[in-house]
């Protein structure tokens, strides 16, 4: 059974940086598409960035140029480097592992950006 554990969230001021981590157990990160999603209060969960098994990355337009997704095969983990953070980036960030149609999701990590 695949399990995802996210970490790295927290409170940061506008313009600051955070690096989120998602560690995978029970599966191999490099064999599936994985991604980061976020959900702000009252809003739907939206895709932030993804990385395919082949290493192709996608970053949503709202965070392009500020966020970067990458994978460390040796650590069986993916990361989301977030720079130039804005209050609008405040949300719970979730990691997803697309081994099934519904995917496997982590518990989420809170990111709060103060103005």
PDB file of N, CA and C in Angstrom:
ATOM      1  N   UNK A   1       0.851  -1.192   0.000  1.00  0.00           N
ATOM      2  CA  UNK A   1       0.000   0.000   0.000  1.00  0.00           C
ATOM      3  C   UNK A   1       0.889   1.245   0.000  1.00  0.00           C
ATOM      4  N   UNK A   2       0.588   2.149  -0.931  1.00  0.00           N
ATOM      5  CA  UNK A   2       1.376   3.364  -1.046  1.00  0.00           C
ATOM      6  C   UNK A   2       0.987   4.337   0.056  1.00  0.00           C
ATOM      7  N   UNK A   3       1.998   4.971   0.627  1.00  0.00           N
ATOM      8  CA  UNK A   3       1.757   5.998   1.639  1.00  0.00           C
ATOM      9  C   UNK A   3       2.635   7.193   1.306  1.00  0.00           C
ATOM     10  N   UNK A   4       2.029   8.382   1.442  1.00  0.00           N
ATOM     11  CA  UNK A   4       2.731   9.629   1.158  1.00  0.00           C
ATOM     12  C   UNK A   4       2.784  10.467   2.425  1.00  0.00           C
ATOM     13  N   UNK A   5       3.937  11.035   2.692  1.00  0.00           N
ATOM     14  CA  UNK A   5       4.081  11.901   3.855  1.00  0.00           C
ATOM     15  C   UNK A   5       4.672  13.222   3.397  1.00  0.00           C
ATOM     16  N   UNK A   6       3.865  14.287   3.532  1.00  0.00           N
ATOM     17  CA  UNK A   6       4.320  15.624   3.163  1.00  0.00           C
ATOM     18  C   UNK A   6       4.912  16.332   4.372  1.00  0.00           C
ATOM     19  N   UNK A   7       5.842  17.221   4.088  1.00  0.00           N
ATOM     20  CA  UNK A   7       6.422  18.047   5.144  1.00  0.00           C
ATOM     21  C   UNK A   7       6.971  19.316   4.521  1.00  0.00           C
ATOM     22  N   UNK A   8       7.314  20.266   5.371  1.00  0.00           N
ATOM     23  CA  UNK A   8       7.944  21.485   4.890  1.00  0.00           C
ATOM     24  C   UNK A   8       7.060  22.706   4.884  1.00  0.00           C
ATOM     25  N   UNK A   9       5.782  22.541   5.195  1.00  0.00           N
ATOM     26  CA  UNK A   9       4.904  23.698   5.241  1.00  0.00           C
ATOM     27  C   UNK A   9       5.191  24.565   6.454  1.00  0.00           C
ATOM     28  N   UNK A  10       4.526  25.712   6.491  1.00  0.00           N
ATOM     29  CA  UNK A  10       4.712  26.599   7.627  1.00  0.00           C
ATOM     30  C   UNK A  10       4.225  27.986   7.322  1.00  0.00           C
ATOM     31  N   UNK A  11       4.604  28.914   8.189  1.00  0.00           N
ATOM     32  CA  UNK A  11       4.240  30.322   8.056  1.00  0.00           C
ATOM     33  C   UNK A  11       5.439  31.088   7.525  1.00  0.00           C
ATOM     34  N   UNK A  12       5.215  31.861   6.484  1.00  0.00           N
ATOM     35  CA  UNK A  12       6.292  32.631   5.876  1.00  0.00           C
ATOM     36  C   UNK A  12       5.755  33.983   5.452  1.00  0.00           C
ATOM     37  N   UNK A  13       6.621  34.964   5.403  1.00  0.00           N
ATOM     38  CA  UNK A  13       6.204  36.284   4.965  1.00  0.00           C
ATOM     39  C   UNK A  13       6.189  36.368   3.443  1.00  0.00           C
ATOM     40  N   UNK A  14       5.457  37.330   2.929  1.00  0.00           N
ATOM     41  CA  UNK A  14       5.431  37.576   1.489  1.00  0.00           C
ATOM     42  C   UNK A  14       6.850  37.730   0.961  1.00  0.00           C
ATOM     43  N   UNK A  15       7.118  37.036  -0.147  1.00  0.00           N
ATOM     44  CA  UNK A  15       8.444  37.071  -0.733  1.00  0.00           C
ATOM     45  C   UNK A  15       9.360  35.961  -0.248  1.00  0.00           C
ATOM     46  N   UNK A  16       8.931  35.233   0.756  1.00  0.00           N
ATOM     47  CA  UNK A  16       9.741  34.167   1.310  1.00  0.00           C
ATOM     48  C   UNK A  16       9.680  32.890   0.487  1.00  0.00           C
ATOM     49  N   UNK A  17      10.383  31.874   0.983  1.00  0.00           N
ATOM     50  CA  UNK A  17      10.477  30.596   0.278  1.00  0.00           C
ATOM     51  C   UNK A  17      10.196  29.434   1.225  1.00  0.00           C
ATOM     52  N   UNK A  18       9.692  28.377   0.657  1.00  0.00           N
ATOM     53  CA  UNK A  18       9.517  27.109   1.363  1.00  0.00           C
ATOM     54  C   UNK A  18       9.815  25.988   0.383  1.00  0.00           C
ATOM     55  N   UNK A  19      10.260  24.861   0.914  1.00  0.00           N
ATOM     56  CA  UNK A  19      10.485  23.687   0.089  1.00  0.00           C
ATOM     57  C   UNK A  19       9.690  22.525   0.684  1.00  0.00           C
ATOM     58  N   UNK A  20       8.654  22.108  -0.026  1.00  0.00           N
ATOM     59  CA  UNK A  20       7.823  21.009   0.437  1.00  0.00           C
ATOM     60  C   UNK A  20       8.414  19.683  -0.012  1.00  0.00           C
ATOM     61  N   UNK A  21       8.286  18.688   0.850  1.00  0.00           N
ATOM     62  CA  UNK A  21       8.759  17.341   0.536  1.00  0.00           C
ATOM     63  C   UNK A  21       7.605  16.361   0.596  1.00  0.00           C
ATOM     64  N   UNK A  22       7.671  15.342  -0.237  1.00  0.00           N
ATOM     65  CA  UNK A  22       6.674  14.258  -0.221  1.00  0.00           C
ATOM     66  C   UNK A  22       7.455  12.953  -0.346  1.00  0.00           C
ATOM     67  N   UNK A  23       7.501  12.222   0.745  1.00  0.00           N
ATOM     68  CA  UNK A  23       8.214  10.946   0.765  1.00  0.00           C
ATOM     69  C   UNK A  23       7.240   9.809   0.485  1.00  0.00           C
ATOM     70  N   UNK A  24       7.655   8.896  -0.375  1.00  0.00           N
ATOM     71  CA  UNK A  24       6.803   7.779  -0.802  1.00  0.00           C
ATOM     72  C   UNK A  24       7.288   6.481  -0.159  1.00  0.00           C
ATOM     73  N   UNK A  25       6.351   5.734   0.383  1.00  0.00           N
ATOM     74  CA  UNK A  25       6.643   4.381   0.847  1.00  0.00           C
ATOM     75  C   UNK A  25       5.612   3.439   0.247  1.00  0.00           C
ATOM     76  N   UNK A  26       6.024   2.200  -0.007  1.00  0.00           N
ATOM     77  CA  UNK A  26       5.120   1.233  -0.601  1.00  0.00           C
ATOM     78  C   UNK A  26       4.975   1.372  -2.100  1.00  0.00           C
ATOM     79  N   UNK A  27       5.740   2.243  -2.702  1.00  0.00           N
ATOM     80  CA  UNK A  27       5.696   2.460  -4.139  1.00  0.00           C
ATOM     81  C   UNK A  27       6.967   3.141  -4.597  1.00  0.00           C
ATOM     82  N   UNK A  28       7.138   3.260  -5.898  1.00  0.00           N
ATOM     83  CA  UNK A  28       8.340   3.888  -6.447  1.00  0.00           C
ATOM     84  C   UNK A  28       7.945   5.163  -7.166  1.00  0.00           C
ATOM     85  N   UNK A  29       8.444   6.272  -6.651  1.00  0.00           N
ATOM     86  CA  UNK A  29       8.044   7.584  -7.162  1.00  0.00           C
ATOM     87  C   UNK A  29       8.339   7.745  -8.640  1.00  0.00           C
ATOM     88  N   UNK A  30       9.429   7.169  -9.092  1.00  0.00           N
ATOM     89  CA  UNK A  30       9.859   7.388 -10.475  1.00  0.00           C
ATOM     90  C   UNK A  30       9.049   6.579 -11.488  1.00  0.00           C
ATOM     91  N   UNK A  31       8.183   5.714 -11.027  1.00  0.00           N
ATOM     92  CA  UNK A  31       7.424   4.859 -11.938  1.00  0.00           C
ATOM     93  C   UNK A  31       6.058   5.432 -12.298  1.00  0.00           C
ATOM     94  N   UNK A  32       5.648   6.486 -11.637  1.00  0.00           N
ATOM     95  CA  UNK A  32       4.320   7.068 -11.867  1.00  0.00           C
ATOM     96  C   UNK A  32       4.400   8.591 -11.921  1.00  0.00           C
ATOM     97  N   UNK A  33       3.372   9.181 -12.497  1.00  0.00           N
ATOM     98  CA  UNK A  33       3.225  10.627 -12.398  1.00  0.00           C
ATOM     99  C   UNK A  33       2.883  10.980 -10.967  1.00  0.00           C
ATOM    100  N   UNK A  34       3.533  12.009 -10.483  1.00  0.00           N
ATOM    101  CA  UNK A  34       3.216  12.534  -9.152  1.00  0.00           C
ATOM    102  C   UNK A  34       3.008  14.023  -9.262  1.00  0.00           C
ATOM    103  N   UNK A  35       2.362  14.587  -8.255  1.00  0.00           N
ATOM    104  CA  UNK A  35       2.114  16.013  -8.341  1.00  0.00           C
ATOM    105  C   UNK A  35       1.799  16.660  -7.019  1.00  0.00           C
ATOM    106  N   UNK A  36       1.743  17.971  -7.071  1.00  0.00           N
ATOM    107  CA  UNK A  36       1.351  18.798  -5.938  1.00  0.00           C
ATOM    108  C   UNK A  36       0.058  19.520  -6.283  1.00  0.00           C
ATOM    109  N   UNK A  37      -0.842  19.537  -5.338  1.00  0.00           N
ATOM    110  CA  UNK A  37      -2.118  20.210  -5.470  1.00  0.00           C
ATOM    111  C   UNK A  37      -2.317  21.077  -4.230  1.00  0.00           C
ATOM    112  N   UNK A  38      -3.176  22.065  -4.338  1.00  0.00           N
ATOM    113  CA  UNK A  38      -3.445  22.890  -3.168  1.00  0.00           C
ATOM    114  C   UNK A  38      -4.918  23.217  -3.078  1.00  0.00           C
ATOM    115  N   UNK A  39      -5.338  23.437  -1.852  1.00  0.00           N
ATOM    116  CA  UNK A  39      -6.736  23.775  -1.597  1.00  0.00           C
ATOM    117  C   UNK A  39      -6.780  24.890  -0.565  1.00  0.00           C
ATOM    118  N   UNK A  40      -7.300  26.021  -1.004  1.00  0.00           N
ATOM    119  CA  UNK A  40      -7.487  27.150  -0.100  1.00  0.00           C
ATOM    120  C   UNK A  40      -8.884  27.068   0.512  1.00  0.00           C
ATOM    121  N   UNK A  41      -9.106  27.675   1.663  1.00  0.00           N
ATOM    122  CA  UNK A  41     -10.428  27.614   2.315  1.00  0.00           C
ATOM    123  C   UNK A  41     -11.538  28.067   1.380  1.00  0.00           C
ATOM    124  N   UNK A  42     -12.569  27.246   1.254  1.00  0.00           N
ATOM    125  CA  UNK A  42     -13.712  27.596   0.423  1.00  0.00           C
ATOM    126  C   UNK A  42     -13.518  27.349  -1.059  1.00  0.00           C
ATOM    127  N   UNK A  43     -12.349  26.860  -1.426  1.00  0.00           N
ATOM    128  CA  UNK A  43     -12.051  26.625  -2.847  1.00  0.00           C
ATOM    129  C   UNK A  43     -11.846  25.145  -3.133  1.00  0.00           C
ATOM    130  N   UNK A  44     -11.904  24.797  -4.391  1.00  0.00           N
ATOM    131  CA  UNK A  44     -11.632  23.425  -4.799  1.00  0.00           C
ATOM    132  C   UNK A  44     -10.121  23.176  -4.819  1.00  0.00           C
ATOM    133  N   UNK A  45      -9.785  21.913  -4.740  1.00  0.00           N
ATOM    134  CA  UNK A  45      -8.378  21.522  -4.853  1.00  0.00           C
ATOM    135  C   UNK A  45      -7.939  21.706  -6.307  1.00  0.00           C
ATOM    136  N   UNK A  46      -6.799  22.338  -6.510  1.00  0.00           N
ATOM    137  CA  UNK A  46      -6.309  22.607  -7.858  1.00  0.00           C
ATOM    138  C   UNK A  46      -4.880  22.095  -8.016  1.00  0.00           C
ATOM    139  N   UNK A  47      -4.552  21.794  -9.238  1.00  0.00           N
ATOM    140  CA  UNK A  47      -3.232  21.279  -9.555  1.00  0.00           C
ATOM    141  C   UNK A  47      -2.218  22.426  -9.549  1.00  0.00           C
ATOM    142  N   UNK A  48      -1.080  22.174  -8.935  1.00  0.00           N
ATOM    143  CA  UNK A  48      -0.012  23.164  -8.888  1.00  0.00           C
ATOM    144  C   UNK A  48       1.126  22.763  -9.812  1.00  0.00           C
ATOM    145  N   UNK A  49       1.546  21.509  -9.701  1.00  0.00           N
ATOM    146  CA  UNK A  49       2.677  21.040 -10.508  1.00  0.00           C
ATOM    147  C   UNK A  49       2.663  19.524 -10.551  1.00  0.00           C
ATOM    148  N   UNK A  50       3.170  18.974 -11.669  1.00  0.00           N
ATOM    149  CA  UNK A  50       3.277  17.530 -11.789  1.00  0.00           C
ATOM    150  C   UNK A  50       4.606  17.154 -12.418  1.00  0.00           C
ATOM    151  N   UNK A  51       4.988  15.902 -12.196  1.00  0.00           N
ATOM    152  CA  UNK A  51       6.193  15.359 -12.822  1.00  0.00           C
ATOM    153  C   UNK A  51       5.885  13.926 -13.235  1.00  0.00           C
ATOM    154  N   UNK A  52       6.167  13.603 -14.499  1.00  0.00           N
ATOM    155  CA  UNK A  52       5.874  12.276 -15.009  1.00  0.00           C
ATOM    156  C   UNK A  52       7.010  11.310 -14.688  1.00  0.00           C
ATOM    157  N   UNK A  53       6.760  10.048 -14.966  1.00  0.00           N
ATOM    158  CA  UNK A  53       7.804   9.051 -14.748  1.00  0.00           C
ATOM    159  C   UNK A  53       9.025   9.355 -15.603  1.00  0.00           C
ATOM    160  N   UNK A  54       8.804   9.984 -16.738  1.00  0.00           N
ATOM    161  CA  UNK A  54       9.924  10.327 -17.611  1.00  0.00           C
ATOM    162  C   UNK A  54      10.617  11.621 -17.235  1.00  0.00           C
ATOM    163  N   UNK A  55      10.076  12.297 -16.232  1.00  0.00           N
ATOM    164  CA  UNK A  55      10.708  13.527 -15.763  1.00  0.00           C
ATOM    165  C   UNK A  55      10.150  14.804 -16.361  1.00  0.00           C
ATOM    166  N   UNK A  56       9.121  14.686 -17.192  1.00  0.00           N
ATOM    167  CA  UNK A  56       8.491  15.885 -17.753  1.00  0.00           C
ATOM    168  C   UNK A  56       7.703  16.591 -16.670  1.00  0.00           C
ATOM    169  N   UNK A  57       7.913  17.884 -16.573  1.00  0.00           N
ATOM    170  CA  UNK A  57       7.234  18.649 -15.525  1.00  0.00           C
ATOM    171  C   UNK A  57       6.203  19.614 -16.107  1.00  0.00           C
ATOM    172  N   UNK A  58       5.225  19.895 -15.267  1.00  0.00           N
ATOM    173  CA  UNK A  58       4.194  20.886 -15.573  1.00  0.00           C
ATOM    174  C   UNK A  58       4.050  21.756 -14.342  1.00  0.00           C
ATOM    175  N   UNK A  59       3.925  23.049 -14.554  1.00  0.00           N
ATOM    176  CA  UNK A  59       3.690  23.992 -13.466  1.00  0.00           C
ATOM    177  C   UNK A  59       2.544  24.894 -13.878  1.00  0.00           C
ATOM    178  N   UNK A  60       1.581  25.083 -13.014  1.00  0.00           N
ATOM    179  CA  UNK A  60       0.429  25.927 -13.310  1.00  0.00           C
ATOM    180  C   UNK A  60       0.875  27.358 -13.585  1.00  0.00           C
ATOM    181  N   UNK A  61       0.121  28.026 -14.434  1.00  0.00           N
ATOM    182  CA  UNK A  61       0.467  29.383 -14.805  1.00  0.00           C
ATOM    183  C   UNK A  61       0.550  30.339 -13.631  1.00  0.00           C
ATOM    184  N   UNK A  62      -0.280  30.112 -12.629  1.00  0.00           N
ATOM    185  CA  UNK A  62      -0.316  31.017 -11.476  1.00  0.00           C
ATOM    186  C   UNK A  62       0.964  30.981 -10.638  1.00  0.00           C
ATOM    187  N   UNK A  63       1.739  29.935 -10.794  1.00  0.00           N
ATOM    188  CA  UNK A  63       2.968  29.798 -10.003  1.00  0.00           C
ATOM    189  C   UNK A  63       4.203  29.649 -10.881  1.00  0.00           C
ATOM    190  N   UNK A  64       4.020  29.682 -12.182  1.00  0.00           N
ATOM    191  CA  UNK A  64       5.158  29.520 -13.102  1.00  0.00           C
ATOM    192  C   UNK A  64       6.194  30.622 -12.843  1.00  0.00           C
ATOM    193  N   UNK A  65       7.450  30.198 -12.852  1.00  0.00           N
ATOM    194  CA  UNK A  65       8.527  31.143 -12.583  1.00  0.00           C
ATOM    195  C   UNK A  65       8.833  31.302 -11.109  1.00  0.00           C
ATOM    196  N   UNK A  66       7.940  30.793 -10.251  1.00  0.00           N
ATOM    197  CA  UNK A  66       8.158  30.900  -8.800  1.00  0.00           C
ATOM    198  C   UNK A  66       8.299  29.524  -8.149  1.00  0.00           C
ATOM    199  N   UNK A  67       7.562  28.537  -8.656  1.00  0.00           N
ATOM    200  CA  UNK A  67       7.570  27.187  -8.086  1.00  0.00           C
ATOM    201  C   UNK A  67       8.275  26.225  -9.038  1.00  0.00           C
ATOM    202  N   UNK A  68       8.964  25.261  -8.462  1.00  0.00           N
ATOM    203  CA  UNK A  68       9.643  24.231  -9.232  1.00  0.00           C
ATOM    204  C   UNK A  68       9.386  22.872  -8.592  1.00  0.00           C
ATOM    205  N   UNK A  69       9.028  21.888  -9.416  1.00  0.00           N
ATOM    206  CA  UNK A  69       8.839  20.534  -8.919  1.00  0.00           C
ATOM    207  C   UNK A  69      10.033  19.688  -9.366  1.00  0.00           C
ATOM    208  N   UNK A  70      10.490  18.844  -8.459  1.00  0.00           N
ATOM    209  CA  UNK A  70      11.551  17.924  -8.840  1.00  0.00           C
ATOM    210  C   UNK A  70      11.442  16.640  -8.038  1.00  0.00           C
ATOM    211  N   UNK A  71      12.225  15.667  -8.451  1.00  0.00           N
ATOM    212  CA  UNK A  71      12.158  14.330  -7.852  1.00  0.00           C
ATOM    213  C   UNK A  71      13.561  13.832  -7.532  1.00  0.00           C
ATOM    214  N   UNK A  72      13.686  13.174  -6.419  1.00  0.00           N
ATOM    215  CA  UNK A  72      14.942  12.532  -6.037  1.00  0.00           C
ATOM    216  C   UNK A  72      14.690  11.031  -6.001  1.00  0.00           C
ATOM    217  N   UNK A  73      15.135  10.336  -7.022  1.00  0.00           N
ATOM    218  CA  UNK A  73      14.858   8.902  -7.108  1.00  0.00           C
ATOM    219  C   UNK A  73      15.522   8.130  -5.964  1.00  0.00           C
ATOM    220  N   UNK A  74      16.690   8.566  -5.552  1.00  0.00           N
ATOM    221  CA  UNK A  74      17.389   7.876  -4.468  1.00  0.00           C
ATOM    222  C   UNK A  74      16.628   7.964  -3.149  1.00  0.00           C
ATOM    223  N   UNK A  75      15.945   9.084  -2.958  1.00  0.00           N
ATOM    224  CA  UNK A  75      15.169   9.274  -1.725  1.00  0.00           C
ATOM    225  C   UNK A  75      13.713   8.898  -1.905  1.00  0.00           C
ATOM    226  N   UNK A  76      13.334   8.525  -3.135  1.00  0.00           N
ATOM    227  CA  UNK A  76      11.949   8.152  -3.425  1.00  0.00           C
ATOM    228  C   UNK A  76      10.992   9.250  -2.966  1.00  0.00           C
ATOM    229  N   UNK A  77      11.276  10.453  -3.412  1.00  0.00           N
ATOM    230  CA  UNK A  77      10.510  11.602  -2.959  1.00  0.00           C
ATOM    231  C   UNK A  77      10.402  12.646  -4.065  1.00  0.00           C
ATOM    232  N   UNK A  78       9.396  13.483  -3.949  1.00  0.00           N
ATOM    233  CA  UNK A  78       9.307  14.658  -4.809  1.00  0.00           C
ATOM    234  C   UNK A  78       9.288  15.899  -3.927  1.00  0.00           C
ATOM    235  N   UNK A  79       9.590  17.032  -4.558  1.00  0.00           N
ATOM    236  CA  UNK A  79       9.700  18.276  -3.816  1.00  0.00           C
ATOM    237  C   UNK A  79       9.007  19.395  -4.585  1.00  0.00           C
ATOM    238  N   UNK A  80       8.614  20.417  -3.856  1.00  0.00           N
ATOM    239  CA  UNK A  80       8.077  21.620  -4.475  1.00  0.00           C
ATOM    240  C   UNK A  80       8.811  22.800  -3.862  1.00  0.00           C
ATOM    241  N   UNK A  81       9.696  23.387  -4.641  1.00  0.00           N
ATOM    242  CA  UNK A  81      10.409  24.573  -4.202  1.00  0.00           C
ATOM    243  C   UNK A  81       9.551  25.780  -4.539  1.00  0.00           C
ATOM    244  N   UNK A  82       9.201  26.535  -3.514  1.00  0.00           N
ATOM    245  CA  UNK A  82       8.310  27.670  -3.687  1.00  0.00           C
ATOM    246  C   UNK A  82       9.053  28.936  -3.304  1.00  0.00           C
ATOM    247  N   UNK A  83       9.197  29.819  -4.265  1.00  0.00           N
ATOM    248  CA  UNK A  83       9.883  31.094  -4.045  1.00  0.00           C
ATOM    249  C   UNK A  83       8.924  32.254  -4.283  1.00  0.00           C
ATOM    250  N   UNK A  84       9.299  33.408  -3.821  1.00  0.00           N
ATOM    251  CA  UNK A  84       8.499  34.627  -4.011  1.00  0.00           C
ATOM    252  C   UNK A  84       7.044  34.389  -3.629  1.00  0.00           C
ATOM    253  N   UNK A  85       6.844  33.823  -2.488  1.00  0.00           N
ATOM    254  CA  UNK A  85       5.503  33.461  -2.054  1.00  0.00           C
ATOM    255  C   UNK A  85       4.628  34.683  -1.836  1.00  0.00           C
ATOM    256  N   UNK A  86       3.344  34.503  -2.138  1.00  0.00           N
ATOM    257  CA  UNK A  86       2.354  35.565  -2.019  1.00  0.00           C
ATOM    258  C   UNK A  86       1.232  35.098  -1.092  1.00  0.00           C
ATOM    259  N   UNK A  87       0.490  36.024  -0.523  1.00  0.00           N
ATOM    260  CA  UNK A  87      -0.642  35.612   0.320  1.00  0.00           C
ATOM    261  C   UNK A  87      -1.616  34.686  -0.412  1.00  0.00           C
ATOM    262  N   UNK A  88      -1.755  34.863  -1.712  1.00  0.00           N
ATOM    263  CA  UNK A  88      -2.638  34.009  -2.501  1.00  0.00           C
ATOM    264  C   UNK A  88      -2.175  32.573  -2.609  1.00  0.00           C
ATOM    265  N   UNK A  89      -0.950  32.295  -2.186  1.00  0.00           N
ATOM    266  CA  UNK A  89      -0.446  30.927  -2.181  1.00  0.00           C
ATOM    267  C   UNK A  89      -0.844  30.172  -0.914  1.00  0.00           C
ATOM    268  N   UNK A  90      -1.466  30.866   0.013  1.00  0.00           N
ATOM    269  CA  UNK A  90      -1.893  30.231   1.256  1.00  0.00           C
ATOM    270  C   UNK A  90      -2.913  29.130   0.971  1.00  0.00           C
ATOM    271  N   UNK A  91      -2.611  27.936   1.443  1.00  0.00           N
ATOM    272  CA  UNK A  91      -3.471  26.772   1.188  1.00  0.00           C
ATOM    273  C   UNK A  91      -2.890  25.553   1.903  1.00  0.00           C
ATOM    274  N   UNK A  92      -3.671  24.498   1.884  1.00  0.00           N
ATOM    275  CA  UNK A  92      -3.120  23.190   2.258  1.00  0.00           C
ATOM    276  C   UNK A  92      -2.597  22.555   0.976  1.00  0.00           C
ATOM    277  N   UNK A  93      -1.364  22.106   1.013  1.00  0.00           N
ATOM    278  CA  UNK A  93      -0.731  21.514  -0.153  1.00  0.00           C
ATOM    279  C   UNK A  93      -0.698  19.990   0.009  1.00  0.00           C
ATOM    280  N   UNK A  94      -1.158  19.321  -1.032  1.00  0.00           N
ATOM    281  CA  UNK A  94      -1.239  17.864  -1.023  1.00  0.00           C
ATOM    282  C   UNK A  94      -0.350  17.264  -2.106  1.00  0.00           C
ATOM    283  N   UNK A  95       0.225  16.155  -1.769  1.00  0.00           N
ATOM    284  CA  UNK A  95       1.010  15.374  -2.716  1.00  0.00           C
ATOM    285  C   UNK A  95       0.135  14.232  -3.237  1.00  0.00           C
ATOM    286  N   UNK A  96       0.267  13.913  -4.526  1.00  0.00           N
ATOM    287  CA  UNK A  96      -0.526  12.842  -5.126  1.00  0.00           C
ATOM    288  C   UNK A  96       0.367  11.897  -5.914  1.00  0.00           C
ATOM    289  N   UNK A  97      -0.014  10.636  -5.875  1.00  0.00           N
ATOM    290  CA  UNK A  97       0.726   9.551  -6.550  1.00  0.00           C
ATOM    291  C   UNK A  97      -0.290   8.850  -7.438  1.00  0.00           C
ATOM    292  N   UNK A  98      -0.103   8.945  -8.754  1.00  0.00           N
ATOM    293  CA  UNK A  98      -1.141   8.492  -9.670  1.00  0.00           C
ATOM    294  C   UNK A  98      -0.914   7.045 -10.111  1.00  0.00           C
ATOM    295  N   UNK A  99      -1.072   6.151  -9.139  1.00  0.00           N
ATOM    296  CA  UNK A  99      -0.983   4.717  -9.437  1.00  0.00           C
ATOM    297  C   UNK A  99      -2.335   4.139  -9.790  1.00  0.00           C
ATOM    298  N   UNK A 100      -3.403   4.869  -9.516  1.00  0.00           N
ATOM    299  CA  UNK A 100      -4.762   4.439  -9.841  1.00  0.00           C
ATOM    300  C   UNK A 100      -5.513   5.644 -10.387  1.00  0.00           C
ATOM    301  N   UNK A 101      -6.719   5.447 -10.864  1.00  0.00           N
ATOM    302  CA  UNK A 101      -7.515   6.560 -11.383  1.00  0.00           C
ATOM    303  C   UNK A 101      -7.779   7.607 -10.305  1.00  0.00           C
ATOM    304  N   UNK A 102      -7.977   7.162  -9.083  1.00  0.00           N
ATOM    305  CA  UNK A 102      -8.253   8.091  -7.989  1.00  0.00           C
ATOM    306  C   UNK A 102      -6.985   8.640  -7.353  1.00  0.00           C
ATOM    307  N   UNK A 103      -5.870   7.992  -7.603  1.00  0.00           N
ATOM    308  CA  UNK A 103      -4.605   8.412  -7.027  1.00  0.00           C
ATOM    309  C   UNK A 103      -4.531   8.124  -5.539  1.00  0.00           C
ATOM    310  N   UNK A 104      -3.340   8.238  -5.021  1.00  0.00           N
ATOM    311  CA  UNK A 104      -3.104   8.141  -3.585  1.00  0.00           C
ATOM    312  C   UNK A 104      -2.653   9.513  -3.117  1.00  0.00           C
ATOM    313  N   UNK A 105      -3.232   9.965  -1.991  1.00  0.00           N
ATOM    314  CA  UNK A 105      -2.990  11.332  -1.520  1.00  0.00           C
ATOM    315  C   UNK A 105      -2.356  11.329  -0.140  1.00  0.00           C
ATOM    316  N   UNK A 106      -1.546  12.340   0.077  1.00  0.00           N
ATOM    317  CA  UNK A 106      -1.001  12.544   1.400  1.00  0.00           C
ATOM    318  C   UNK A 106      -1.994  13.291   2.281  1.00  0.00           C
ATOM    319  N   UNK A 107      -1.566  13.547   3.508  1.00  0.00           N
ATOM    320  CA  UNK A 107      -2.466  14.189   4.473  1.00  0.00           C
ATOM    321  C   UNK A 107      -2.488  15.703   4.326  1.00  0.00           C
ATOM    322  N   UNK A 108      -1.550  16.238   3.581  1.00  0.00           N
ATOM    323  CA  UNK A 108      -1.499  17.677   3.359  1.00  0.00           C
ATOM    324  C   UNK A 108      -0.588  18.388   4.334  1.00  0.00           C
ATOM    325  N   UNK A 109      -0.058  19.515   3.903  1.00  0.00           N
ATOM    326  CA  UNK A 109       0.762  20.360   4.758  1.00  0.00           C
ATOM    327  C   UNK A 109       0.327  21.813   4.545  1.00  0.00           C
ATOM    328  N   UNK A 110       0.142  22.530   5.626  1.00  0.00           N
ATOM    329  CA  UNK A 110      -0.372  23.901   5.559  1.00  0.00           C
ATOM    330  C   UNK A 110       0.745  24.878   5.206  1.00  0.00           C
ATOM    331  N   UNK A 111       0.456  25.727   4.241  1.00  0.00           N
ATOM    332  CA  UNK A 111       1.346  26.838   3.889  1.00  0.00           C
ATOM    333  C   UNK A 111       0.567  28.123   4.090  1.00  0.00           C
ATOM    334  N   UNK A 112       1.105  28.997   4.902  1.00  0.00           N
ATOM    335  CA  UNK A 112       0.468  30.280   5.169  1.00  0.00           C
ATOM    336  C   UNK A 112       1.462  31.388   4.867  1.00  0.00           C
ATOM    337  N   UNK A 113       1.045  32.300   4.001  1.00  0.00           N
ATOM    338  CA  UNK A 113       1.901  33.416   3.619  1.00  0.00           C
ATOM    339  C   UNK A 113       1.278  34.696   4.159  1.00  0.00           C
ATOM    340  N   UNK A 114       2.002  35.362   5.023  1.00  0.00           N
ATOM    341  CA  UNK A 114       1.485  36.591   5.635  1.00  0.00           C
ATOM    342  C   UNK A 114       1.887  37.800   4.798  1.00  0.00           C
ATOM    343  N   UNK A 115       1.016  38.802   4.833  1.00  0.00           N
ATOM    344  CA  UNK A 115       1.287  40.025   4.042  1.00  0.00           C
ATOM    345  C   UNK A 115       2.068  41.041   4.842  1.00  0.00           C
TER     346      UNK A 115
END
